[in-house]
């Protein structure tokens, strides 16, 4: 069991690693890709932190990183989706920060071909769950934000049946007993102190 008090009081960003054999990789080659890593981005401060950390991971020549952005499919039940968005506090500001952060990351890493990128246009949490299941066997490590998509229709209701709340809705699904037994999961929570700049601070810890 994880000490949830640490998540509340940590003086830095925190990473929770669900290790499913990642340590068995004795050496990551500098000349060829040895490990496939995915970073999932729905939105929110923890997802922005995960994206910043992913940029560092991609700096290793033995790592092939793919960033997968989950976007709301506005062509499906558009009135219901719009109503849900409007009801969320500060949602517009968060979406603006997400777009700014992702645009910067895209220009720095993706546009030059250093990192692969794909988008998934989804309508609800059921489609999110199905998409997560489709990733089985493709990656050795998946990096996610703890509260990624917390106020999104793409994860609405997932908190009702999660087994490990400290991992957040996406991390809980990926680390659950019904998911792949070979995919490790790194769940990141951004430093909670107000006034901090979004992104990775120098005291980042992987636990």
N, C-alpha and C. Protein backbone atom coordinates (compact mmCIF):
# COMPACT_ATOMS: atom_id res chain seq x y z
N UNK A 1 0.83 -1.19 0.00
CA UNK A 1 0.00 0.00 0.00
C UNK A 1 0.87 1.25 0.00
N UNK A 2 0.43 2.26 -0.73
CA UNK A 2 1.20 3.49 -0.86
C UNK A 2 0.73 4.49 0.19
N UNK A 3 1.68 5.23 0.77
CA UNK A 3 1.36 6.23 1.78
C UNK A 3 0.79 7.46 1.08
N UNK A 4 -0.54 7.61 1.13
CA UNK A 4 -1.18 8.72 0.43
C UNK A 4 -0.83 10.06 1.06
N UNK A 5 -0.39 10.06 2.33
CA UNK A 5 0.00 11.32 2.96
C UNK A 5 1.20 11.93 2.24
N UNK A 6 2.03 11.08 1.67
CA UNK A 6 3.19 11.57 0.94
C UNK A 6 2.77 12.39 -0.27
N UNK A 7 1.69 11.97 -0.92
CA UNK A 7 1.20 12.71 -2.08
C UNK A 7 0.70 14.10 -1.67
N UNK A 8 0.21 14.20 -0.44
CA UNK A 8 -0.34 15.48 0.03
C UNK A 8 0.73 16.42 0.54
N UNK A 9 1.84 15.88 1.05
CA UNK A 9 2.83 16.72 1.72
C UNK A 9 4.19 16.76 1.04
N UNK A 10 4.38 16.04 -0.05
CA UNK A 10 5.69 15.99 -0.71
C UNK A 10 6.13 17.38 -1.15
N UNK A 11 7.39 17.75 -0.87
CA UNK A 11 7.90 19.08 -1.26
C UNK A 11 8.36 19.14 -2.70
N UNK A 12 8.01 18.14 -3.48
CA UNK A 12 8.46 18.08 -4.87
C UNK A 12 7.45 17.26 -5.67
N UNK A 13 7.66 17.16 -6.96
CA UNK A 13 6.83 16.27 -7.77
C UNK A 13 7.14 14.83 -7.39
N UNK A 14 6.15 13.95 -7.53
CA UNK A 14 6.29 12.57 -7.09
C UNK A 14 5.96 11.62 -8.23
N UNK A 15 6.71 10.54 -8.33
CA UNK A 15 6.42 9.49 -9.30
C UNK A 15 6.18 8.17 -8.59
N UNK A 16 5.13 7.46 -8.97
CA UNK A 16 4.85 6.13 -8.44
C UNK A 16 5.06 5.13 -9.57
N UNK A 17 6.01 4.24 -9.40
CA UNK A 17 6.32 3.26 -10.44
C UNK A 17 5.70 1.91 -10.10
N UNK A 18 4.82 1.44 -10.97
CA UNK A 18 4.29 0.08 -10.88
C UNK A 18 5.16 -0.77 -11.80
N UNK A 19 6.10 -1.49 -11.20
CA UNK A 19 7.13 -2.19 -11.96
C UNK A 19 6.69 -3.60 -12.32
N UNK A 20 6.62 -3.85 -13.62
CA UNK A 20 6.27 -5.18 -14.12
C UNK A 20 7.38 -5.70 -15.02
N UNK A 21 8.57 -5.71 -14.47
CA UNK A 21 9.70 -6.27 -15.20
C UNK A 21 10.61 -5.26 -15.84
N UNK A 22 10.37 -3.96 -15.59
CA UNK A 22 11.22 -2.94 -16.19
C UNK A 22 12.66 -3.09 -15.74
N UNK A 23 12.86 -3.49 -14.48
CA UNK A 23 14.20 -3.66 -13.95
C UNK A 23 14.94 -4.84 -14.52
N UNK A 24 14.22 -5.73 -15.21
CA UNK A 24 14.87 -6.91 -15.80
C UNK A 24 15.62 -6.57 -17.07
N UNK A 25 15.39 -5.34 -17.59
CA UNK A 25 16.15 -4.90 -18.76
C UNK A 25 17.54 -4.49 -18.28
N UNK A 26 18.52 -5.34 -18.49
CA UNK A 26 19.84 -5.14 -17.90
C UNK A 26 20.53 -3.89 -18.43
N UNK A 27 20.39 -3.63 -19.71
CA UNK A 27 21.07 -2.48 -20.29
C UNK A 27 20.31 -1.99 -21.50
N UNK A 28 20.06 -0.69 -21.54
CA UNK A 28 19.41 -0.09 -22.69
C UNK A 28 20.50 0.35 -23.66
N UNK A 29 20.50 -0.22 -24.84
CA UNK A 29 21.55 0.03 -25.82
C UNK A 29 21.57 1.49 -26.25
N UNK A 30 22.76 2.00 -26.52
CA UNK A 30 22.91 3.36 -27.02
C UNK A 30 22.86 3.41 -28.55
N UNK A 31 22.83 2.26 -29.18
CA UNK A 31 22.88 2.23 -30.64
C UNK A 31 21.58 1.76 -31.28
N UNK A 32 20.69 1.17 -30.51
CA UNK A 32 19.43 0.73 -31.08
C UNK A 32 18.32 0.83 -30.04
N UNK A 33 17.08 0.92 -30.51
CA UNK A 33 15.95 1.05 -29.61
C UNK A 33 15.77 -0.24 -28.82
N UNK A 34 15.77 -0.12 -27.50
CA UNK A 34 15.63 -1.28 -26.64
C UNK A 34 14.33 -1.28 -25.86
N UNK A 35 13.67 -0.12 -25.77
CA UNK A 35 12.46 -0.03 -24.97
C UNK A 35 11.48 0.94 -25.62
N UNK A 36 10.24 0.52 -25.73
CA UNK A 36 9.17 1.37 -26.26
C UNK A 36 8.39 1.97 -25.10
N UNK A 37 8.29 3.28 -25.09
CA UNK A 37 7.63 4.01 -24.01
C UNK A 37 6.51 4.86 -24.59
N UNK A 38 5.38 4.92 -23.87
CA UNK A 38 4.27 5.78 -24.29
C UNK A 38 3.95 6.76 -23.17
N UNK A 39 3.59 7.97 -23.55
CA UNK A 39 3.07 8.96 -22.61
C UNK A 39 1.67 9.34 -23.05
N UNK A 40 0.71 9.23 -22.12
CA UNK A 40 -0.68 9.55 -22.43
C UNK A 40 -1.00 10.95 -21.92
N UNK A 41 -1.67 11.73 -22.75
CA UNK A 41 -1.99 13.11 -22.38
C UNK A 41 -3.47 13.37 -22.63
N UNK A 42 -4.21 13.62 -21.53
CA UNK A 42 -5.61 14.03 -21.63
C UNK A 42 -5.74 15.50 -21.25
N UNK A 43 -5.06 15.87 -20.17
CA UNK A 43 -5.08 17.27 -19.75
C UNK A 43 -4.99 17.41 -18.25
N UNK A 44 -4.58 18.59 -17.80
CA UNK A 44 -4.42 18.85 -16.38
C UNK A 44 -2.96 18.97 -15.99
N UNK A 45 -2.73 19.49 -14.78
CA UNK A 45 -1.37 19.79 -14.34
C UNK A 45 -0.48 18.55 -14.25
N UNK A 46 -1.05 17.42 -13.82
CA UNK A 46 -0.23 16.21 -13.71
C UNK A 46 0.15 15.66 -15.08
N UNK A 47 -0.74 15.77 -16.04
CA UNK A 47 -0.40 15.35 -17.40
C UNK A 47 0.67 16.26 -18.00
N UNK A 48 0.62 17.54 -17.68
CA UNK A 48 1.66 18.45 -18.17
C UNK A 48 3.00 18.10 -17.55
N UNK A 49 2.98 17.69 -16.29
CA UNK A 49 4.22 17.26 -15.63
C UNK A 49 4.75 15.97 -16.25
N UNK A 50 3.85 15.04 -16.54
CA UNK A 50 4.25 13.78 -17.17
C UNK A 50 4.86 14.04 -18.54
N UNK A 51 4.31 15.00 -19.26
CA UNK A 51 4.83 15.33 -20.58
C UNK A 51 6.24 15.91 -20.47
N UNK A 52 6.45 16.76 -19.46
CA UNK A 52 7.78 17.33 -19.26
C UNK A 52 8.80 16.24 -18.94
N UNK A 53 8.40 15.29 -18.11
CA UNK A 53 9.31 14.19 -17.78
C UNK A 53 9.58 13.31 -18.99
N UNK A 54 8.56 13.11 -19.81
CA UNK A 54 8.72 12.30 -21.01
C UNK A 54 9.78 12.88 -21.93
N UNK A 55 9.87 14.21 -21.97
CA UNK A 55 10.89 14.85 -22.79
C UNK A 55 12.29 14.45 -22.36
N UNK A 56 12.47 14.26 -21.05
CA UNK A 56 13.77 13.82 -20.55
C UNK A 56 14.03 12.36 -20.88
N UNK A 57 13.00 11.54 -20.74
CA UNK A 57 13.14 10.12 -21.06
C UNK A 57 13.54 9.94 -22.52
N UNK A 58 12.94 10.75 -23.39
CA UNK A 58 13.21 10.64 -24.82
C UNK A 58 14.64 11.00 -25.18
N UNK A 59 15.35 11.64 -24.25
CA UNK A 59 16.73 12.02 -24.52
C UNK A 59 17.67 10.83 -24.57
N UNK A 60 17.24 9.68 -24.07
CA UNK A 60 18.09 8.49 -24.12
C UNK A 60 17.97 7.86 -25.50
N UNK A 61 19.07 7.61 -26.18
CA UNK A 61 19.02 7.08 -27.55
C UNK A 61 18.45 5.67 -27.65
N UNK A 62 18.37 4.95 -26.52
CA UNK A 62 17.83 3.60 -26.55
C UNK A 62 16.33 3.55 -26.31
N UNK A 63 15.70 4.72 -26.19
CA UNK A 63 14.26 4.79 -25.90
C UNK A 63 13.51 5.31 -27.12
N UNK A 64 12.44 4.61 -27.49
CA UNK A 64 11.53 5.11 -28.52
C UNK A 64 10.25 5.55 -27.82
N UNK A 65 9.99 6.85 -27.86
CA UNK A 65 8.84 7.41 -27.14
C UNK A 65 7.72 7.78 -28.10
N UNK A 66 6.51 7.43 -27.72
CA UNK A 66 5.32 7.83 -28.45
C UNK A 66 4.40 8.60 -27.51
N UNK A 67 4.00 9.80 -27.90
CA UNK A 67 3.04 10.59 -27.13
C UNK A 67 1.67 10.41 -27.76
N UNK A 68 0.70 10.04 -26.92
CA UNK A 68 -0.66 9.79 -27.40
C UNK A 68 -1.59 10.77 -26.70
N UNK A 69 -2.19 11.66 -27.48
CA UNK A 69 -3.09 12.65 -26.91
C UNK A 69 -4.54 12.22 -27.10
N UNK A 70 -5.27 12.16 -25.99
CA UNK A 70 -6.69 11.82 -26.02
C UNK A 70 -7.49 13.12 -26.14
N UNK A 71 -8.28 13.22 -27.19
CA UNK A 71 -9.09 14.42 -27.43
C UNK A 71 -10.57 14.05 -27.47
N UNK A 72 -11.40 14.97 -27.02
CA UNK A 72 -12.84 14.74 -27.03
C UNK A 72 -13.36 14.83 -28.46
N UNK A 73 -14.07 13.80 -28.88
CA UNK A 73 -14.68 13.78 -30.20
C UNK A 73 -15.96 14.62 -30.15
N UNK A 74 -15.85 15.87 -30.55
CA UNK A 74 -16.98 16.80 -30.43
C UNK A 74 -18.08 16.53 -31.46
N UNK A 75 -17.84 15.63 -32.39
CA UNK A 75 -18.88 15.32 -33.38
C UNK A 75 -19.92 14.35 -32.81
N UNK A 76 -19.62 13.78 -31.64
CA UNK A 76 -20.53 12.83 -31.02
C UNK A 76 -21.19 13.47 -29.81
N UNK A 77 -22.51 13.52 -29.81
CA UNK A 77 -23.28 14.06 -28.70
C UNK A 77 -22.70 15.40 -28.26
N UNK A 78 -22.53 16.31 -29.21
CA UNK A 78 -21.85 17.57 -28.96
C UNK A 78 -22.52 18.41 -27.88
N UNK A 79 -23.85 18.40 -27.80
CA UNK A 79 -24.54 19.23 -26.82
C UNK A 79 -24.26 18.76 -25.40
N UNK A 80 -24.21 17.43 -25.20
CA UNK A 80 -23.94 16.89 -23.87
C UNK A 80 -22.50 17.17 -23.45
N UNK A 81 -21.56 17.05 -24.39
CA UNK A 81 -20.16 17.31 -24.09
C UNK A 81 -19.95 18.77 -23.74
N UNK A 82 -20.58 19.68 -24.50
CA UNK A 82 -20.44 21.11 -24.24
C UNK A 82 -21.00 21.47 -22.88
N UNK A 83 -22.14 20.89 -22.53
CA UNK A 83 -22.76 21.17 -21.23
C UNK A 83 -21.86 20.70 -20.10
N UNK A 84 -21.22 19.55 -20.28
CA UNK A 84 -20.33 19.03 -19.24
C UNK A 84 -19.12 19.92 -19.07
N UNK A 85 -18.56 20.39 -20.18
CA UNK A 85 -17.40 21.27 -20.10
C UNK A 85 -17.72 22.56 -19.37
N UNK A 86 -18.85 23.16 -19.67
CA UNK A 86 -19.23 24.43 -19.07
C UNK A 86 -19.40 24.30 -17.57
N UNK A 87 -19.84 23.13 -17.10
CA UNK A 87 -20.11 22.93 -15.68
C UNK A 87 -18.86 22.78 -14.84
N UNK A 88 -17.70 22.63 -15.46
CA UNK A 88 -16.47 22.40 -14.72
C UNK A 88 -15.79 23.72 -14.36
N UNK A 89 -15.39 23.89 -13.08
CA UNK A 89 -14.73 25.12 -12.66
C UNK A 89 -13.34 25.27 -13.28
N UNK A 90 -13.05 26.48 -13.77
CA UNK A 90 -11.72 26.80 -14.31
C UNK A 90 -11.31 25.89 -15.47
N UNK A 91 -12.28 25.25 -16.12
CA UNK A 91 -11.92 24.31 -17.17
C UNK A 91 -11.31 25.02 -18.38
N UNK A 92 -11.83 26.21 -18.69
CA UNK A 92 -11.30 26.94 -19.83
C UNK A 92 -9.85 27.32 -19.64
N UNK A 93 -9.50 27.74 -18.43
CA UNK A 93 -8.11 28.11 -18.14
C UNK A 93 -7.19 26.89 -18.23
N UNK A 94 -7.65 25.75 -17.70
CA UNK A 94 -6.84 24.53 -17.75
C UNK A 94 -6.61 24.09 -19.20
N UNK A 95 -7.66 24.18 -20.02
CA UNK A 95 -7.52 23.79 -21.41
C UNK A 95 -6.52 24.69 -22.13
N UNK A 96 -6.52 25.97 -21.77
CA UNK A 96 -5.56 26.89 -22.37
C UNK A 96 -4.13 26.54 -21.99
N UNK A 97 -3.92 26.18 -20.72
CA UNK A 97 -2.59 25.76 -20.26
C UNK A 97 -2.16 24.47 -20.95
N UNK A 98 -3.12 23.55 -21.12
CA UNK A 98 -2.82 22.29 -21.80
C UNK A 98 -2.35 22.54 -23.23
N UNK A 99 -3.10 23.38 -23.95
CA UNK A 99 -2.76 23.66 -25.34
C UNK A 99 -1.41 24.35 -25.46
N UNK A 100 -1.14 25.28 -24.55
CA UNK A 100 0.14 26.00 -24.58
C UNK A 100 1.30 25.05 -24.30
N UNK A 101 1.13 24.20 -23.28
CA UNK A 101 2.16 23.24 -22.92
C UNK A 101 2.42 22.26 -24.06
N UNK A 102 1.33 21.76 -24.65
CA UNK A 102 1.49 20.75 -25.70
C UNK A 102 2.09 21.36 -26.96
N UNK A 103 1.71 22.59 -27.27
CA UNK A 103 2.27 23.25 -28.46
C UNK A 103 3.78 23.42 -28.31
N UNK A 104 4.22 23.79 -27.11
CA UNK A 104 5.65 23.94 -26.86
C UNK A 104 6.36 22.59 -26.99
N UNK A 105 5.77 21.55 -26.43
CA UNK A 105 6.36 20.22 -26.51
C UNK A 105 6.41 19.74 -27.96
N UNK A 106 5.35 19.99 -28.69
CA UNK A 106 5.28 19.56 -30.09
C UNK A 106 6.39 20.22 -30.91
N UNK A 107 6.55 21.52 -30.74
CA UNK A 107 7.58 22.24 -31.50
C UNK A 107 8.98 21.77 -31.15
N UNK A 108 9.20 21.44 -29.88
CA UNK A 108 10.53 21.08 -29.41
C UNK A 108 10.92 19.65 -29.77
N UNK A 109 9.95 18.73 -29.71
CA UNK A 109 10.29 17.32 -29.86
C UNK A 109 9.64 16.62 -31.06
N UNK A 110 8.35 16.85 -31.25
CA UNK A 110 7.61 16.05 -32.23
C UNK A 110 7.82 16.53 -33.65
N UNK A 111 7.81 17.85 -33.87
CA UNK A 111 7.93 18.37 -35.23
C UNK A 111 9.25 17.99 -35.88
N UNK A 112 10.28 17.80 -35.07
CA UNK A 112 11.58 17.41 -35.61
C UNK A 112 11.76 15.92 -35.76
N UNK A 113 10.75 15.15 -35.38
CA UNK A 113 10.81 13.70 -35.56
C UNK A 113 11.48 12.94 -34.43
N UNK A 114 11.81 13.63 -33.34
CA UNK A 114 12.48 12.94 -32.23
C UNK A 114 11.53 12.02 -31.48
N UNK A 115 10.24 12.38 -31.49
CA UNK A 115 9.23 11.62 -30.75
C UNK A 115 8.04 11.36 -31.68
N UNK A 116 7.48 10.15 -31.61
CA UNK A 116 6.29 9.83 -32.40
C UNK A 116 5.05 10.40 -31.72
N UNK A 117 4.02 10.64 -32.52
CA UNK A 117 2.81 11.26 -31.98
C UNK A 117 1.57 10.70 -32.65
N UNK A 118 0.53 10.48 -31.85
CA UNK A 118 -0.76 10.08 -32.40
C UNK A 118 -1.88 10.68 -31.57
N UNK A 119 -3.04 10.81 -32.17
CA UNK A 119 -4.22 11.33 -31.48
C UNK A 119 -5.31 10.28 -31.47
N UNK A 120 -6.07 10.26 -30.37
CA UNK A 120 -7.24 9.40 -30.25
C UNK A 120 -8.44 10.28 -29.95
N UNK A 121 -9.41 10.30 -30.85
CA UNK A 121 -10.62 11.10 -30.66
C UNK A 121 -11.71 10.20 -30.08
N UNK A 122 -12.08 10.49 -28.84
CA UNK A 122 -12.98 9.61 -28.09
C UNK A 122 -14.18 10.39 -27.58
N UNK A 123 -15.26 9.66 -27.28
CA UNK A 123 -16.50 10.31 -26.86
C UNK A 123 -16.78 10.19 -25.37
N UNK A 124 -16.25 9.15 -24.72
CA UNK A 124 -16.60 8.93 -23.31
C UNK A 124 -15.58 8.01 -22.65
N UNK A 125 -15.83 7.72 -21.36
CA UNK A 125 -14.90 6.90 -20.58
C UNK A 125 -14.83 5.47 -21.09
N UNK A 126 -15.93 4.96 -21.62
CA UNK A 126 -15.94 3.59 -22.15
C UNK A 126 -14.96 3.47 -23.31
N UNK A 127 -14.93 4.47 -24.18
CA UNK A 127 -13.99 4.45 -25.29
C UNK A 127 -12.56 4.63 -24.81
N UNK A 128 -12.38 5.42 -23.75
CA UNK A 128 -11.05 5.57 -23.16
C UNK A 128 -10.55 4.23 -22.65
N UNK A 129 -11.40 3.51 -21.94
CA UNK A 129 -11.02 2.21 -21.39
C UNK A 129 -10.65 1.24 -22.52
N UNK A 130 -11.45 1.20 -23.57
CA UNK A 130 -11.17 0.30 -24.69
C UNK A 130 -9.85 0.65 -25.37
N UNK A 131 -9.58 1.95 -25.47
CA UNK A 131 -8.33 2.39 -26.10
C UNK A 131 -7.14 1.98 -25.25
N UNK A 132 -7.25 2.12 -23.94
CA UNK A 132 -6.16 1.70 -23.05
C UNK A 132 -5.89 0.21 -23.21
N UNK A 133 -6.94 -0.58 -23.32
CA UNK A 133 -6.76 -2.02 -23.47
C UNK A 133 -6.07 -2.36 -24.80
N UNK A 134 -6.27 -1.52 -25.80
CA UNK A 134 -5.66 -1.79 -27.10
C UNK A 134 -4.15 -1.60 -27.10
N UNK A 135 -3.61 -0.97 -26.05
CA UNK A 135 -2.17 -0.72 -25.98
C UNK A 135 -1.40 -1.93 -25.44
N UNK A 136 -2.09 -2.95 -25.00
CA UNK A 136 -1.42 -4.11 -24.42
C UNK A 136 -0.40 -4.71 -25.39
N UNK A 137 0.78 -4.97 -24.88
CA UNK A 137 1.82 -5.60 -25.67
C UNK A 137 2.62 -4.67 -26.55
N UNK A 138 2.25 -3.38 -26.60
CA UNK A 138 2.95 -2.44 -27.48
C UNK A 138 4.08 -1.69 -26.78
N UNK A 139 3.97 -1.53 -25.45
CA UNK A 139 4.94 -0.70 -24.73
C UNK A 139 5.44 -1.41 -23.48
N UNK A 140 6.70 -1.11 -23.12
CA UNK A 140 7.27 -1.64 -21.88
C UNK A 140 6.96 -0.73 -20.70
N UNK A 141 6.76 0.56 -20.99
CA UNK A 141 6.48 1.54 -19.94
C UNK A 141 5.48 2.56 -20.47
N UNK A 142 4.49 2.89 -19.63
CA UNK A 142 3.53 3.94 -19.95
C UNK A 142 3.60 5.00 -18.86
N UNK A 143 3.77 6.26 -19.26
CA UNK A 143 3.86 7.38 -18.32
C UNK A 143 2.56 8.17 -18.36
N UNK A 144 1.96 8.39 -17.19
CA UNK A 144 0.68 9.10 -17.13
C UNK A 144 0.70 10.08 -15.96
N UNK A 145 -0.17 11.08 -16.02
CA UNK A 145 -0.37 11.99 -14.90
C UNK A 145 -1.37 11.39 -13.94
N UNK A 146 -1.16 11.59 -12.64
CA UNK A 146 -2.05 10.99 -11.64
C UNK A 146 -3.48 11.49 -11.80
N UNK A 147 -3.66 12.78 -11.96
CA UNK A 147 -5.00 13.34 -12.10
C UNK A 147 -5.28 13.72 -13.55
N UNK A 148 -4.59 13.08 -14.47
CA UNK A 148 -4.80 13.36 -15.88
C UNK A 148 -6.24 13.10 -16.29
N UNK A 149 -6.88 14.10 -16.88
CA UNK A 149 -8.25 13.93 -17.33
C UNK A 149 -9.26 13.84 -16.21
N UNK A 150 -8.89 14.31 -15.01
CA UNK A 150 -9.77 14.17 -13.85
C UNK A 150 -11.12 14.83 -14.08
N UNK A 151 -11.12 15.99 -14.73
CA UNK A 151 -12.36 16.71 -14.99
C UNK A 151 -12.80 16.59 -16.45
N UNK A 152 -12.46 15.47 -17.06
CA UNK A 152 -12.79 15.26 -18.47
C UNK A 152 -13.91 14.24 -18.61
N UNK A 153 -14.73 14.43 -19.62
CA UNK A 153 -15.77 13.45 -19.91
C UNK A 153 -15.15 12.12 -20.33
N UNK A 154 -13.87 12.14 -20.72
CA UNK A 154 -13.19 10.92 -21.14
C UNK A 154 -12.85 10.00 -19.97
N UNK A 155 -12.93 10.53 -18.73
CA UNK A 155 -12.68 9.69 -17.56
C UNK A 155 -13.85 9.74 -16.57
N UNK A 156 -14.93 10.39 -16.96
CA UNK A 156 -16.08 10.56 -16.06
C UNK A 156 -16.63 9.20 -15.63
N UNK A 157 -16.69 8.98 -14.31
CA UNK A 157 -17.22 7.73 -13.77
C UNK A 157 -16.16 6.69 -13.47
N UNK A 158 -14.94 6.86 -13.99
CA UNK A 158 -13.89 5.86 -13.78
C UNK A 158 -13.44 5.81 -12.32
N UNK A 159 -13.57 6.95 -11.61
CA UNK A 159 -13.18 6.97 -10.20
C UNK A 159 -14.10 6.11 -9.34
N UNK A 160 -15.30 5.83 -9.83
CA UNK A 160 -16.28 5.10 -9.02
C UNK A 160 -15.86 3.66 -8.77
N UNK A 161 -15.02 3.10 -9.64
CA UNK A 161 -14.65 1.69 -9.46
C UNK A 161 -13.14 1.45 -9.46
N UNK A 162 -12.36 2.52 -9.23
CA UNK A 162 -10.92 2.32 -9.20
C UNK A 162 -10.48 1.65 -7.90
N UNK A 163 -9.47 0.80 -7.98
CA UNK A 163 -8.98 0.04 -6.84
C UNK A 163 -7.88 0.77 -6.08
N UNK A 164 -7.11 1.60 -6.78
CA UNK A 164 -5.99 2.32 -6.16
C UNK A 164 -6.12 3.81 -6.49
N UNK A 165 -6.85 4.58 -5.68
CA UNK A 165 -7.06 6.00 -5.95
C UNK A 165 -5.77 6.80 -6.07
N UNK A 166 -4.71 6.34 -5.39
CA UNK A 166 -3.44 7.07 -5.44
C UNK A 166 -2.82 7.05 -6.83
N UNK A 167 -3.31 6.16 -7.71
CA UNK A 167 -2.78 6.08 -9.07
C UNK A 167 -3.60 6.90 -10.06
N UNK A 168 -4.75 7.40 -9.63
CA UNK A 168 -5.60 8.15 -10.54
C UNK A 168 -6.37 7.23 -11.47
N UNK A 169 -7.32 7.77 -12.24
CA UNK A 169 -8.19 6.93 -13.08
C UNK A 169 -7.46 6.16 -14.17
N UNK A 170 -6.51 6.80 -14.85
CA UNK A 170 -5.80 6.13 -15.94
C UNK A 170 -4.76 5.16 -15.40
N UNK A 171 -3.99 5.60 -14.41
CA UNK A 171 -2.99 4.73 -13.81
C UNK A 171 -3.59 3.49 -13.18
N UNK A 172 -4.78 3.65 -12.61
CA UNK A 172 -5.45 2.52 -11.97
C UNK A 172 -5.83 1.45 -13.00
N UNK A 173 -6.33 1.88 -14.15
CA UNK A 173 -6.69 0.92 -15.20
C UNK A 173 -5.45 0.20 -15.72
N UNK A 174 -4.39 0.96 -16.00
CA UNK A 174 -3.19 0.37 -16.58
C UNK A 174 -2.48 -0.59 -15.63
N UNK A 175 -2.61 -0.35 -14.32
CA UNK A 175 -1.92 -1.20 -13.34
C UNK A 175 -2.83 -2.27 -12.76
N UNK A 176 -4.07 -2.34 -13.22
CA UNK A 176 -5.03 -3.30 -12.69
C UNK A 176 -4.72 -4.73 -13.09
N UNK A 177 -5.31 -5.69 -12.38
CA UNK A 177 -5.04 -7.11 -12.64
C UNK A 177 -5.54 -7.59 -14.00
N UNK A 178 -6.47 -6.84 -14.61
CA UNK A 178 -7.01 -7.26 -15.90
C UNK A 178 -6.18 -6.74 -17.07
N UNK A 179 -5.19 -5.90 -16.76
CA UNK A 179 -4.37 -5.35 -17.83
C UNK A 179 -3.11 -6.20 -18.00
N UNK A 180 -2.28 -5.83 -18.95
CA UNK A 180 -1.07 -6.59 -19.26
C UNK A 180 -0.17 -6.74 -18.04
N UNK A 181 0.40 -7.91 -17.89
CA UNK A 181 1.31 -8.18 -16.77
C UNK A 181 2.75 -7.80 -17.09
N UNK A 182 2.98 -7.26 -18.29
CA UNK A 182 4.34 -6.92 -18.69
C UNK A 182 4.56 -5.43 -18.89
N UNK A 183 3.51 -4.62 -18.79
CA UNK A 183 3.62 -3.17 -18.99
C UNK A 183 3.79 -2.48 -17.65
N UNK A 184 4.92 -1.81 -17.46
CA UNK A 184 5.14 -1.02 -16.25
C UNK A 184 4.48 0.34 -16.41
N UNK A 185 4.09 0.95 -15.29
CA UNK A 185 3.37 2.21 -15.33
C UNK A 185 4.04 3.21 -14.38
N UNK A 186 4.32 4.40 -14.88
CA UNK A 186 4.86 5.48 -14.05
C UNK A 186 3.80 6.57 -13.94
N UNK A 187 3.31 6.77 -12.72
CA UNK A 187 2.27 7.77 -12.46
C UNK A 187 2.92 8.98 -11.80
N UNK A 188 2.69 10.15 -12.38
CA UNK A 188 3.36 11.37 -11.91
C UNK A 188 2.35 12.37 -11.36
N UNK A 189 2.70 12.92 -10.21
CA UNK A 189 1.91 14.01 -9.62
C UNK A 189 2.77 15.25 -9.54
N UNK A 190 2.25 16.35 -10.05
CA UNK A 190 3.00 17.60 -10.03
C UNK A 190 3.09 18.16 -8.62
N UNK A 191 4.19 18.85 -8.36
CA UNK A 191 4.38 19.54 -7.09
C UNK A 191 3.16 20.38 -6.77
N UNK A 192 2.63 20.23 -5.56
CA UNK A 192 1.35 20.83 -5.22
C UNK A 192 1.42 22.29 -4.80
N UNK A 193 2.60 22.82 -4.48
CA UNK A 193 2.67 24.20 -4.01
C UNK A 193 2.19 25.17 -5.07
N UNK A 194 1.41 26.14 -4.68
CA UNK A 194 0.89 27.13 -5.62
C UNK A 194 2.01 28.06 -6.07
N UNK A 195 1.86 28.56 -7.27
CA UNK A 195 2.84 29.50 -7.78
C UNK A 195 3.98 28.86 -8.54
N UNK A 196 4.03 27.53 -8.55
CA UNK A 196 5.10 26.85 -9.28
C UNK A 196 4.83 26.89 -10.78
N UNK A 197 5.87 26.94 -11.56
CA UNK A 197 5.74 26.89 -13.02
C UNK A 197 5.44 25.47 -13.43
N UNK A 198 4.52 25.29 -14.36
CA UNK A 198 4.21 23.96 -14.86
C UNK A 198 5.46 23.33 -15.46
N UNK A 199 5.61 22.02 -15.24
CA UNK A 199 6.78 21.33 -15.77
C UNK A 199 7.55 20.68 -14.65
N UNK A 200 8.67 20.12 -14.96
CA UNK A 200 9.44 19.33 -14.02
C UNK A 200 10.39 20.20 -13.23
N UNK A 201 10.31 20.13 -11.89
CA UNK A 201 11.26 20.88 -11.10
C UNK A 201 12.51 20.04 -10.85
N UNK A 202 13.54 20.65 -10.30
CA UNK A 202 14.82 19.98 -10.18
C UNK A 202 14.84 18.89 -9.12
N UNK A 203 13.82 18.87 -8.23
CA UNK A 203 13.83 17.91 -7.15
C UNK A 203 12.95 16.70 -7.45
N UNK A 204 12.66 16.48 -8.72
CA UNK A 204 11.77 15.38 -9.10
C UNK A 204 12.32 14.05 -8.60
N UNK A 205 11.43 13.23 -8.02
CA UNK A 205 11.82 11.92 -7.51
C UNK A 205 11.00 10.84 -8.17
N UNK A 206 11.62 9.72 -8.51
CA UNK A 206 10.89 8.52 -8.92
C UNK A 206 10.95 7.56 -7.76
N UNK A 207 9.77 7.14 -7.27
CA UNK A 207 9.72 6.28 -6.10
C UNK A 207 9.48 4.84 -6.52
